[in-house]
C-alpha cells in the first residue's frame, strides 16, 4: 500500500502533466482561432495579430506581397492614422516623454509599388505647433511642449505661430528592401536659419534622414453587407529618428520675435543677432527625437 506522501507526490506529478497538456491545447487553439484571413490583391495571407501570441512569439513586420501596388487612387484615412514622437526626459534615463502631432499628411499622395520601387513616393509633413502630450502643463502656445520643436511665435504674447517655421517635411528619394520592410532614404526639412549661421535669413534647414517603412497588411471589407467586398484598407508604419541639434541652435537663449513689443525689442534684436536658427532650445527633453507614424489608406471599388 502506498503511503500518504507517495500519493501526494503522484498527485502533484499528474497535476503538472495536466497543466502542461492544457497549455499546449490552449496555445494550439489560439493559433487556429485568432488567425484572420487577410486578402491582398486576391491572395489569402494568414497573419497573427492576437496579443497572446505576440507575447509568446514576438511578431516581426509583415512582408509586402511581391505584386502589391497602392497607387494614387487610394485615399489617406487620416481619421485612423497617427504621427507620434517620443524623447527621453532630460536624457538622464529611459524615462520617456511622448506625444503626437494633430495635423499631418502626405503631398503628393503616398504611393507604393512592390514590383518597381522607383515608382514609390513618400513625402510626409507635420505641422510642428500641433504637437500634443495631452498634459495641460506642457501643451499650448507659450508652454514648454512647443519649445521642444523650436516653435516660433510672431508676437511676444505667444498667441500666433510663424507659418514659415511651422511645417516639417520628410521627402523620400529612394526605396530599398530591408528585412521584411523597406529603407527609405530622403531628407528632413525642419526650422529655418538666422543670419548668424552664415546662411540667408529664413533659409530652410534640410538634412539627410533614413526612414524604416513596414507594411502592416490589408483587408477587403464588405461595408454595406451585400456579400461583396467593396473597400480595401491598407496599413503602413514608418519610423525614424533625428537630433534636434541638427536643426536648432543649442546656444539660443534669446527669443527672436518678428514683431516684438517695444519692451521686448532689445532681447529680440539680440536673438536675431546671436541665434543661428529660429526658435529657442529646450533642454528638458533629450537631443534625440524618435518619430513613429502609422497610416491607413483605403480604396472603394
C-alpha atoms as a PDB file:
ATOM      1  CA  UNK A   1       0.000   0.000   0.000  1.00  0.00           C
ATOM      2  CA  UNK A   2       1.270   3.455  -0.918  1.00  0.00           C
ATOM      3  CA  UNK A   3       1.943   5.918   1.847  1.00  0.00           C
ATOM      4  CA  UNK A   4       0.190   9.274   2.051  1.00  0.00           C
ATOM      5  CA  UNK A   5       3.419  11.049   0.983  1.00  0.00           C
ATOM      6  CA  UNK A   6       3.698   8.805  -2.086  1.00  0.00           C
ATOM      7  CA  UNK A   7       0.101   9.515  -3.060  1.00  0.00           C
ATOM      8  CA  UNK A   8       0.649  13.251  -2.682  1.00  0.00           C
ATOM      9  CA  UNK A   9       3.791  13.031  -4.844  1.00  0.00           C
ATOM     10  CA  UNK A  10       1.959  11.127  -7.601  1.00  0.00           C
ATOM     11  CA  UNK A  11      -0.959  13.595  -7.480  1.00  0.00           C
ATOM     12  CA  UNK A  12       1.405  16.542  -7.960  1.00  0.00           C
ATOM     13  CA  UNK A  13       3.003  14.871 -10.988  1.00  0.00           C
ATOM     14  CA  UNK A  14      -0.419  14.181 -12.545  1.00  0.00           C
ATOM     15  CA  UNK A  15      -1.438  17.810 -11.936  1.00  0.00           C
ATOM     16  CA  UNK A  16       1.734  19.176 -13.600  1.00  0.00           C
ATOM     17  CA  UNK A  17       1.248  16.928 -16.633  1.00  0.00           C
ATOM     18  CA  UNK A  18      -2.393  18.041 -16.910  1.00  0.00           C
ATOM     19  CA  UNK A  19      -1.382  21.703 -16.796  1.00  0.00           C
ATOM     20  CA  UNK A  20       1.260  21.179 -19.488  1.00  0.00           C
ATOM     21  CA  UNK A  21      -1.219  19.388 -21.787  1.00  0.00           C
ATOM     22  CA  UNK A  22      -3.833  22.098 -21.227  1.00  0.00           C
ATOM     23  CA  UNK A  23      -1.309  24.819 -22.071  1.00  0.00           C
ATOM     24  CA  UNK A  24      -0.379  23.142 -25.355  1.00  0.00           C
ATOM     25  CA  UNK A  25      -4.058  22.730 -26.287  1.00  0.00           C
ATOM     26  CA  UNK A  26      -4.768  26.364 -25.367  1.00  0.00           C
ATOM     27  CA  UNK A  27      -1.904  27.690 -27.484  1.00  0.00           C
ATOM     28  CA  UNK A  28      -2.825  25.487 -30.430  1.00  0.00           C
ATOM     29  CA  UNK A  29      -6.446  26.590 -30.168  1.00  0.00           C
ATOM     30  CA  UNK A  30      -5.462  30.257 -30.013  1.00  0.00           C
ATOM     31  CA  UNK A  31      -3.245  29.857 -33.039  1.00  0.00           C
ATOM     32  CA  UNK A  32      -6.058  28.358 -35.061  1.00  0.00           C
ATOM     33  CA  UNK A  33      -8.911  30.578 -33.909  1.00  0.00           C
ATOM     34  CA  UNK A  34      -7.368  34.020 -33.901  1.00  0.00           C
ATOM     35  CA  UNK A  35      -5.725  33.942 -37.305  1.00  0.00           C
ATOM     36  CA  UNK A  36      -7.654  36.385 -39.514  1.00  0.00           C
ATOM     37  CA  UNK A  37      -7.748  35.862 -43.247  1.00  0.00           C
ATOM     38  CA  UNK A  38      -6.198  38.879 -44.958  1.00  0.00           C
ATOM     39  CA  UNK A  39      -6.750  39.437 -48.661  1.00  0.00           C
ATOM     40  CA  UNK A  40      -4.059  41.178 -50.693  1.00  0.00           C
ATOM     41  CA  UNK A  41      -4.680  41.542 -54.421  1.00  0.00           C
ATOM     42  CA  UNK A  42      -6.871  38.472 -54.363  1.00  0.00           C
ATOM     43  CA  UNK A  43      -4.368  36.346 -52.422  1.00  0.00           C
ATOM     44  CA  UNK A  44      -5.117  35.000 -48.950  1.00  0.00           C
ATOM     45  CA  UNK A  45      -2.496  35.525 -46.233  1.00  0.00           C
ATOM     46  CA  UNK A  46      -2.551  34.357 -42.615  1.00  0.00           C
ATOM     47  CA  UNK A  47      -1.389  36.987 -40.141  1.00  0.00           C
ATOM     48  CA  UNK A  48      -1.238  36.509 -36.376  1.00  0.00           C
ATOM     49  CA  UNK A  49      -2.472  39.607 -34.566  1.00  0.00           C
ATOM     50  CA  UNK A  50      -3.573  38.388 -31.141  1.00  0.00           C
ATOM     51  CA  UNK A  51      -1.749  39.842 -28.141  1.00  0.00           C
ATOM     52  CA  UNK A  52      -1.356  36.414 -26.526  1.00  0.00           C
ATOM     53  CA  UNK A  53       0.630  35.111 -29.470  1.00  0.00           C
ATOM     54  CA  UNK A  54       2.628  38.326 -29.653  1.00  0.00           C
ATOM     55  CA  UNK A  55       3.812  37.765 -26.093  1.00  0.00           C
ATOM     56  CA  UNK A  56       4.694  34.135 -26.689  1.00  0.00           C
ATOM     57  CA  UNK A  57       6.234  34.692 -30.118  1.00  0.00           C
ATOM     58  CA  UNK A  58       7.035  38.398 -30.730  1.00  0.00           C
ATOM     59  CA  UNK A  59       5.866  39.493 -34.161  1.00  0.00           C
ATOM     60  CA  UNK A  60       8.001  40.843 -36.964  1.00  0.00           C
ATOM     61  CA  UNK A  61       6.852  43.120 -39.748  1.00  0.00           C
ATOM     62  CA  UNK A  62       4.526  41.567 -42.314  1.00  0.00           C
ATOM     63  CA  UNK A  63       6.344  41.186 -45.651  1.00  0.00           C
ATOM     64  CA  UNK A  64       4.801  43.098 -48.542  1.00  0.00           C
ATOM     65  CA  UNK A  65       3.440  40.744 -51.247  1.00  0.00           C
ATOM     66  CA  UNK A  66       5.667  40.929 -54.321  1.00  0.00           C
ATOM     67  CA  UNK A  67       2.844  42.066 -56.590  1.00  0.00           C
ATOM     68  CA  UNK A  68       1.342  44.628 -54.192  1.00  0.00           C
ATOM     69  CA  UNK A  69       0.632  48.096 -55.596  1.00  0.00           C
ATOM     70  CA  UNK A  70      -1.012  51.055 -53.894  1.00  0.00           C
ATOM     71  CA  UNK A  71      -1.382  53.886 -56.381  1.00  0.00           C
ATOM     72  CA  UNK A  72      -2.783  57.415 -56.229  1.00  0.00           C
ATOM     73  CA  UNK A  73      -6.367  56.106 -56.395  1.00  0.00           C
ATOM     74  CA  UNK A  74      -6.103  55.220 -52.689  1.00  0.00           C
ATOM     75  CA  UNK A  75      -7.183  57.805 -50.107  1.00  0.00           C
ATOM     76  CA  UNK A  76      -5.327  58.575 -46.884  1.00  0.00           C
ATOM     77  CA  UNK A  77      -7.576  57.671 -43.936  1.00  0.00           C
ATOM     78  CA  UNK A  78      -6.294  60.358 -41.567  1.00  0.00           C
ATOM     79  CA  UNK A  79      -9.010  59.623 -39.003  1.00  0.00           C
ATOM     80  CA  UNK A  80      -7.438  56.239 -38.289  1.00  0.00           C
ATOM     81  CA  UNK A  81      -3.797  57.321 -38.661  1.00  0.00           C
ATOM     82  CA  UNK A  82      -1.319  58.964 -36.301  1.00  0.00           C
ATOM     83  CA  UNK A  83       2.147  60.513 -36.148  1.00  0.00           C
ATOM     84  CA  UNK A  84       3.775  60.112 -32.725  1.00  0.00           C
ATOM     85  CA  UNK A  85       7.023  61.300 -31.139  1.00  0.00           C
ATOM     86  CA  UNK A  86       8.999  60.401 -28.043  1.00  0.00           C
ATOM     87  CA  UNK A  87      12.196  61.560 -26.368  1.00  0.00           C
ATOM     88  CA  UNK A  88      13.941  60.868 -23.087  1.00  0.00           C
ATOM     89  CA  UNK A  89      13.212  63.298 -20.285  1.00  0.00           C
ATOM     90  CA  UNK A  90      16.381  65.379 -19.749  1.00  0.00           C
ATOM     91  CA  UNK A  91      18.306  62.446 -21.303  1.00  0.00           C
ATOM     92  CA  UNK A  92      19.198  61.092 -17.849  1.00  0.00           C
ATOM     93  CA  UNK A  93      17.345  57.761 -18.079  1.00  0.00           C
ATOM     94  CA  UNK A  94      14.894  55.708 -20.103  1.00  0.00           C
ATOM     95  CA  UNK A  95      12.047  57.854 -18.824  1.00  0.00           C
ATOM     96  CA  UNK A  96      10.207  58.942 -21.952  1.00  0.00           C
ATOM     97  CA  UNK A  97       8.094  61.956 -22.774  1.00  0.00           C
ATOM     98  CA  UNK A  98       5.649  61.148 -25.547  1.00  0.00           C
ATOM     99  CA  UNK A  99       3.164  62.945 -27.743  1.00  0.00           C
ATOM    100  CA  UNK A 100       1.609  63.161 -31.160  1.00  0.00           C
ATOM    101  CA  UNK A 101       1.023  65.664 -33.927  1.00  0.00           C
ATOM    102  CA  UNK A 102      -2.535  66.773 -34.579  1.00  0.00           C
ATOM    103  CA  UNK A 103      -2.040  67.887 -38.174  1.00  0.00           C
ATOM    104  CA  UNK A 104      -0.127  65.742 -40.675  1.00  0.00           C
ATOM    105  CA  UNK A 105      -0.378  64.284 -44.145  1.00  0.00           C
ATOM    106  CA  UNK A 106       1.214  63.480 -47.498  1.00  0.00           C
ATOM    107  CA  UNK A 107       1.793  65.693 -50.529  1.00  0.00           C
ATOM    108  CA  UNK A 108       1.662  64.337 -53.124  1.00  0.00           C
ATOM    109  CA  UNK A 109      -0.128  61.122 -52.156  1.00  0.00           C
ATOM    110  CA  UNK A 110       1.826  58.203 -50.727  1.00  0.00           C
ATOM    111  CA  UNK A 111       2.246  55.510 -53.383  1.00  0.00           C
ATOM    112  CA  UNK A 112       3.852  52.085 -53.182  1.00  0.00           C
ATOM    113  CA  UNK A 113       4.764  49.653 -55.977  1.00  0.00           C
ATOM    114  CA  UNK A 114       6.289  46.347 -54.884  1.00  0.00           C
ATOM    115  CA  UNK A 115       7.192  45.448 -58.461  1.00  0.00           C
ATOM    116  CA  UNK A 116       9.104  48.674 -59.152  1.00  0.00           C
ATOM    117  CA  UNK A 117      10.455  50.555 -56.132  1.00  0.00           C
ATOM    118  CA  UNK A 118      11.423  53.537 -58.291  1.00  0.00           C
ATOM    119  CA  UNK A 119       7.707  54.319 -58.558  1.00  0.00           C
ATOM    120  CA  UNK A 120       7.254  54.611 -54.774  1.00  0.00           C
ATOM    121  CA  UNK A 121       6.514  58.080 -53.384  1.00  0.00           C
ATOM    122  CA  UNK A 122       6.591  59.148 -49.744  1.00  0.00           C
ATOM    123  CA  UNK A 123       6.535  62.838 -48.853  1.00  0.00           C
ATOM    124  CA  UNK A 124       5.245  63.276 -45.294  1.00  0.00           C
ATOM    125  CA  UNK A 125       4.621  66.503 -43.374  1.00  0.00           C
ATOM    126  CA  UNK A 126       3.550  67.531 -39.887  1.00  0.00           C
ATOM    127  CA  UNK A 127       2.532  70.914 -38.522  1.00  0.00           C
ATOM    128  CA  UNK A 128       5.003  71.310 -35.667  1.00  0.00           C
ATOM    129  CA  UNK A 129       2.856  73.548 -33.458  1.00  0.00           C
ATOM    130  CA  UNK A 130       0.197  70.805 -33.227  1.00  0.00           C
ATOM    131  CA  UNK A 131       2.490  68.593 -31.125  1.00  0.00           C
ATOM    132  CA  UNK A 132       0.461  67.457 -28.128  1.00  0.00           C
ATOM    133  CA  UNK A 133       1.227  65.460 -24.984  1.00  0.00           C
ATOM    134  CA  UNK A 134      -2.306  65.647 -23.519  1.00  0.00           C
ATOM    135  CA  UNK A 135      -0.848  67.401 -20.497  1.00  0.00           C
ATOM    136  CA  UNK A 136      -2.145  70.935 -19.897  1.00  0.00           C
ATOM    137  CA  UNK A 137       1.088  71.931 -18.181  1.00  0.00           C
ATOM    138  CA  UNK A 138       3.097  71.221 -21.340  1.00  0.00           C
ATOM    139  CA  UNK A 139       0.721  71.797 -24.238  1.00  0.00           C
ATOM    140  CA  UNK A 140      -0.405  75.018 -25.844  1.00  0.00           C
ATOM    141  CA  UNK A 141       1.268  78.135 -27.187  1.00  0.00           C
ATOM    142  CA  UNK A 142       3.806  79.534 -24.771  1.00  0.00           C
ATOM    143  CA  UNK A 143       4.183  76.264 -22.838  1.00  0.00           C
ATOM    144  CA  UNK A 144       7.336  74.124 -22.766  1.00  0.00           C
ATOM    145  CA  UNK A 145       5.938  71.456 -25.130  1.00  0.00           C
ATOM    146  CA  UNK A 146       6.124  73.535 -28.322  1.00  0.00           C
ATOM    147  CA  UNK A 147       9.640  74.627 -27.297  1.00  0.00           C
ATOM    148  CA  UNK A 148      10.849  71.044 -27.821  1.00  0.00           C
ATOM    149  CA  UNK A 149      10.386  71.669 -31.542  1.00  0.00           C
ATOM    150  CA  UNK A 150      11.537  75.280 -31.602  1.00  0.00           C
ATOM    151  CA  UNK A 151       8.120  76.742 -32.352  1.00  0.00           C
ATOM    152  CA  UNK A 152       8.478  80.363 -33.484  1.00  0.00           C
ATOM    153  CA  UNK A 153       5.910  82.949 -32.419  1.00  0.00           C
ATOM    154  CA  UNK A 154       5.063  86.110 -34.325  1.00  0.00           C
ATOM    155  CA  UNK A 155       4.089  88.026 -31.194  1.00  0.00           C
ATOM    156  CA  UNK A 156       5.580  88.309 -27.724  1.00  0.00           C
ATOM    157  CA  UNK A 157       2.317  87.141 -26.149  1.00  0.00           C
ATOM    158  CA  UNK A 158       2.887  83.824 -27.942  1.00  0.00           C
ATOM    159  CA  UNK A 159      -0.605  83.632 -29.370  1.00  0.00           C
ATOM    160  CA  UNK A 160       0.319  83.147 -33.053  1.00  0.00           C
ATOM    161  CA  UNK A 161       2.865  80.890 -34.761  1.00  0.00           C
ATOM    162  CA  UNK A 162       5.098  81.863 -37.667  1.00  0.00           C
ATOM    163  CA  UNK A 163       3.727  79.687 -40.512  1.00  0.00           C
ATOM    164  CA  UNK A 164       7.073  79.658 -42.346  1.00  0.00           C
ATOM    165  CA  UNK A 165       8.651  77.720 -39.447  1.00  0.00           C
ATOM    166  CA  UNK A 166       5.672  75.528 -38.652  1.00  0.00           C
ATOM    167  CA  UNK A 167       5.867  72.660 -41.145  1.00  0.00           C
ATOM    168  CA  UNK A 168       8.411  69.836 -41.060  1.00  0.00           C
ATOM    169  CA  UNK A 169       8.837  67.630 -44.137  1.00  0.00           C
ATOM    170  CA  UNK A 170      10.283  64.240 -44.949  1.00  0.00           C
ATOM    171  CA  UNK A 171      10.833  63.785 -48.672  1.00  0.00           C
ATOM    172  CA  UNK A 172      11.808  60.283 -49.771  1.00  0.00           C
ATOM    173  CA  UNK A 173      14.326  59.900 -52.571  1.00  0.00           C
ATOM    174  CA  UNK A 174      14.933  56.124 -52.761  1.00  0.00           C
ATOM    175  CA  UNK A 175      13.399  52.836 -51.584  1.00  0.00           C
ATOM    176  CA  UNK A 176      15.362  49.630 -50.967  1.00  0.00           C
ATOM    177  CA  UNK A 177      14.311  46.288 -49.486  1.00  0.00           C
ATOM    178  CA  UNK A 178      15.495  45.680 -45.932  1.00  0.00           C
ATOM    179  CA  UNK A 179      14.335  42.670 -43.927  1.00  0.00           C
ATOM    180  CA  UNK A 180      10.557  42.423 -44.149  1.00  0.00           C
ATOM    181  CA  UNK A 181      10.334  46.157 -44.749  1.00  0.00           C
ATOM    182  CA  UNK A 182      11.973  48.948 -46.684  1.00  0.00           C
ATOM    183  CA  UNK A 183      14.640  51.536 -46.059  1.00  0.00           C
ATOM    184  CA  UNK A 184      13.560  54.903 -47.424  1.00  0.00           C
ATOM    185  CA  UNK A 185      16.360  57.429 -47.807  1.00  0.00           C
ATOM    186  CA  UNK A 186      15.485  61.075 -48.036  1.00  0.00           C
ATOM    187  CA  UNK A 187      15.724  64.472 -46.390  1.00  0.00           C
ATOM    188  CA  UNK A 188      14.002  66.149 -43.485  1.00  0.00           C
ATOM    189  CA  UNK A 189      13.337  69.881 -43.640  1.00  0.00           C
ATOM    190  CA  UNK A 190      12.638  71.466 -40.277  1.00  0.00           C
ATOM    191  CA  UNK A 191      13.056  75.006 -38.894  1.00  0.00           C
ATOM    192  CA  UNK A 192      14.996  77.879 -40.563  1.00  0.00           C
ATOM    193  CA  UNK A 193      18.368  79.584 -40.292  1.00  0.00           C
ATOM    194  CA  UNK A 194      19.022  83.062 -38.923  1.00  0.00           C
ATOM    195  CA  UNK A 195      21.859  85.206 -40.402  1.00  0.00           C
ATOM    196  CA  UNK A 196      24.291  84.363 -37.561  1.00  0.00           C
ATOM    197  CA  UNK A 197      24.520  80.873 -39.076  1.00  0.00           C
ATOM    198  CA  UNK A 198      26.124  82.248 -42.224  1.00  0.00           C
ATOM    199  CA  UNK A 199      23.014  81.483 -44.237  1.00  0.00           C
ATOM    200  CA  UNK A 200      20.460  83.923 -45.561  1.00  0.00           C
ATOM    201  CA  UNK A 201      17.644  84.742 -43.143  1.00  0.00           C
ATOM    202  CA  UNK A 202      14.856  82.173 -43.390  1.00  0.00           C
ATOM    203  CA  UNK A 203      16.786  79.506 -45.304  1.00  0.00           C
ATOM    204  CA  UNK A 204      15.106  76.122 -44.583  1.00  0.00           C
ATOM    205  CA  UNK A 205      17.266  73.595 -42.696  1.00  0.00           C
ATOM    206  CA  UNK A 206      17.443  70.284 -44.586  1.00  0.00           C
ATOM    207  CA  UNK A 207      19.399  67.187 -43.520  1.00  0.00           C
ATOM    208  CA  UNK A 208      19.559  63.525 -44.694  1.00  0.00           C
ATOM    209  CA  UNK A 209      17.272  61.114 -42.816  1.00  0.00           C
ATOM    210  CA  UNK A 210      16.570  57.387 -43.203  1.00  0.00           C
ATOM    211  CA  UNK A 211      13.081  56.012 -42.558  1.00  0.00           C
ATOM    212  CA  UNK A 212      12.212  52.352 -41.978  1.00  0.00           C
ATOM    213  CA  UNK A 213       8.897  51.547 -43.665  1.00  0.00           C
ATOM    214  CA  UNK A 214       6.852  48.442 -42.873  1.00  0.00           C
ATOM    215  CA  UNK A 215       3.669  47.081 -44.400  1.00  0.00           C
ATOM    216  CA  UNK A 216       1.030  46.006 -41.857  1.00  0.00           C
ATOM    217  CA  UNK A 217      -1.362  44.089 -44.079  1.00  0.00           C
ATOM    218  CA  UNK A 218      -4.627  44.834 -45.870  1.00  0.00           C
ATOM    219  CA  UNK A 219      -8.227  43.717 -45.800  1.00  0.00           C
ATOM    220  CA  UNK A 220     -11.075  43.972 -48.270  1.00  0.00           C
ATOM    221  CA  UNK A 221     -14.171  44.978 -46.288  1.00  0.00           C
ATOM    222  CA  UNK A 222     -17.820  44.424 -47.070  1.00  0.00           C
ATOM    223  CA  UNK A 223     -19.079  47.765 -45.745  1.00  0.00           C
ATOM    224  CA  UNK A 224     -22.692  47.500 -46.956  1.00  0.00           C
ATOM    225  CA  UNK A 225     -23.232  43.825 -46.031  1.00  0.00           C
ATOM    226  CA  UNK A 226     -24.213  42.725 -49.524  1.00  0.00           C
ATOM    227  CA  UNK A 227     -21.786  39.810 -49.518  1.00  0.00           C
ATOM    228  CA  UNK A 228     -19.248  41.514 -51.793  1.00  0.00           C
ATOM    229  CA  UNK A 229     -16.123  43.328 -50.524  1.00  0.00           C
ATOM    230  CA  UNK A 230     -16.189  46.981 -51.560  1.00  0.00           C
ATOM    231  CA  UNK A 231     -13.485  48.827 -49.549  1.00  0.00           C
ATOM    232  CA  UNK A 232      -9.831  47.806 -49.475  1.00  0.00           C
ATOM    233  CA  UNK A 233      -7.913  49.100 -46.463  1.00  0.00           C
ATOM    234  CA  UNK A 234      -4.105  49.060 -46.251  1.00  0.00           C
ATOM    235  CA  UNK A 235      -1.801  49.843 -43.328  1.00  0.00           C
ATOM    236  CA  UNK A 236       1.814  51.081 -43.300  1.00  0.00           C
ATOM    237  CA  UNK A 237       4.113  52.209 -40.484  1.00  0.00           C
ATOM    238  CA  UNK A 238       7.222  54.379 -40.679  1.00  0.00           C
ATOM    239  CA  UNK A 239       9.863  55.030 -38.030  1.00  0.00           C
ATOM    240  CA  UNK A 240      12.883  57.325 -37.933  1.00  0.00           C
ATOM    241  CA  UNK A 241      14.929  59.408 -35.513  1.00  0.00           C
ATOM    242  CA  UNK A 242      16.796  62.692 -35.658  1.00  0.00           C
ATOM    243  CA  UNK A 243      18.757  65.015 -33.404  1.00  0.00           C
ATOM    244  CA  UNK A 244      17.138  68.356 -32.685  1.00  0.00           C
ATOM    245  CA  UNK A 245      20.588  69.955 -32.542  1.00  0.00           C
ATOM    246  CA  UNK A 246      20.930  69.321 -36.289  1.00  0.00           C
ATOM    247  CA  UNK A 247      18.049  71.743 -36.821  1.00  0.00           C
ATOM    248  CA  UNK A 248      18.103  74.003 -33.763  1.00  0.00           C
ATOM    249  CA  UNK A 249      20.779  76.179 -32.175  1.00  0.00           C
ATOM    250  CA  UNK A 250      21.509  74.723 -28.723  1.00  0.00           C
ATOM    251  CA  UNK A 251      23.054  78.034 -27.616  1.00  0.00           C
ATOM    252  CA  UNK A 252      19.944  80.064 -28.452  1.00  0.00           C
ATOM    253  CA  UNK A 253      18.703  81.664 -25.221  1.00  0.00           C
ATOM    254  CA  UNK A 254      17.134  84.878 -26.502  1.00  0.00           C
ATOM    255  CA  UNK A 255      13.825  84.511 -28.297  1.00  0.00           C
ATOM    256  CA  UNK A 256      13.566  86.368 -31.578  1.00  0.00           C
ATOM    257  CA  UNK A 257      10.118  87.780 -32.369  1.00  0.00           C
ATOM    258  CA  UNK A 258       9.435  89.074 -35.870  1.00  0.00           C
ATOM    259  CA  UNK A 259       7.024  91.598 -34.298  1.00  0.00           C
ATOM    260  CA  UNK A 260       8.121  92.260 -30.692  1.00  0.00           C
ATOM    261  CA  UNK A 261       6.636  94.702 -28.231  1.00  0.00           C
ATOM    262  CA  UNK A 262       8.694  97.817 -27.575  1.00  0.00           C
ATOM    263  CA  UNK A 263       9.644  96.418 -24.151  1.00  0.00           C
ATOM    264  CA  UNK A 264      10.991  93.216 -25.736  1.00  0.00           C
ATOM    265  CA  UNK A 265      12.659  94.646 -28.799  1.00  0.00           C
ATOM    266  CA  UNK A 266      16.133  94.705 -27.227  1.00  0.00           C
ATOM    267  CA  UNK A 267      16.076  90.993 -26.356  1.00  0.00           C
ATOM    268  CA  UNK A 268      14.523  90.166 -29.723  1.00  0.00           C
ATOM    269  CA  UNK A 269      17.268  92.056 -31.540  1.00  0.00           C
ATOM    270  CA  UNK A 270      19.902  90.151 -29.536  1.00  0.00           C
ATOM    271  CA  UNK A 271      18.226  86.895 -30.519  1.00  0.00           C
ATOM    272  CA  UNK A 272      18.263  87.859 -34.170  1.00  0.00           C
ATOM    273  CA  UNK A 273      21.955  88.817 -33.983  1.00  0.00           C
ATOM    274  CA  UNK A 274      23.206  85.831 -31.956  1.00  0.00           C
ATOM    275  CA  UNK A 275      20.933  82.853 -32.636  1.00  0.00           C
ATOM    276  CA  UNK A 276      21.854  80.635 -35.566  1.00  0.00           C
ATOM    277  CA  UNK A 277      18.335  79.294 -36.005  1.00  0.00           C
ATOM    278  CA  UNK A 278      14.779  80.332 -35.289  1.00  0.00           C
ATOM    279  CA  UNK A 279      13.246  79.134 -32.019  1.00  0.00           C
ATOM    280  CA  UNK A 280      14.748  78.706 -28.555  1.00  0.00           C
ATOM    281  CA  UNK A 281      16.392  75.471 -27.412  1.00  0.00           C
ATOM    282  CA  UNK A 282      14.675  73.480 -24.679  1.00  0.00           C
ATOM    283  CA  UNK A 283      16.853  71.093 -22.680  1.00  0.00           C
ATOM    284  CA  UNK A 284      14.068  69.343 -20.786  1.00  0.00           C
ATOM    285  CA  UNK A 285      13.985  66.603 -23.413  1.00  0.00           C
ATOM    286  CA  UNK A 286      16.886  64.715 -24.957  1.00  0.00           C
ATOM    287  CA  UNK A 287      18.506  65.788 -28.195  1.00  0.00           C
ATOM    288  CA  UNK A 288      17.368  62.637 -29.986  1.00  0.00           C
ATOM    289  CA  UNK A 289      13.740  62.503 -31.072  1.00  0.00           C
ATOM    290  CA  UNK A 290      12.038  59.338 -32.316  1.00  0.00           C
ATOM    291  CA  UNK A 291       9.072  59.617 -34.679  1.00  0.00           C
ATOM    292  CA  UNK A 292       6.678  56.733 -35.340  1.00  0.00           C
ATOM    293  CA  UNK A 293       3.961  57.065 -37.977  1.00  0.00           C
ATOM    294  CA  UNK A 294       1.017  54.701 -38.528  1.00  0.00           C
ATOM    295  CA  UNK A 295      -1.138  55.308 -41.574  1.00  0.00           C
ATOM    296  CA  UNK A 296      -4.206  53.684 -43.095  1.00  0.00           C
ATOM    297  CA  UNK A 297      -5.277  54.066 -46.724  1.00  0.00           C
ATOM    298  CA  UNK A 298      -8.440  52.901 -48.475  1.00  0.00           C
ATOM    299  CA  UNK A 299      -9.931  52.440 -51.903  1.00  0.00           C
ATOM    300  CA  UNK A 300     -13.621  51.987 -52.684  1.00  0.00           C
ATOM    301  CA  UNK A 301     -14.450  49.601 -55.537  1.00  0.00           C
END
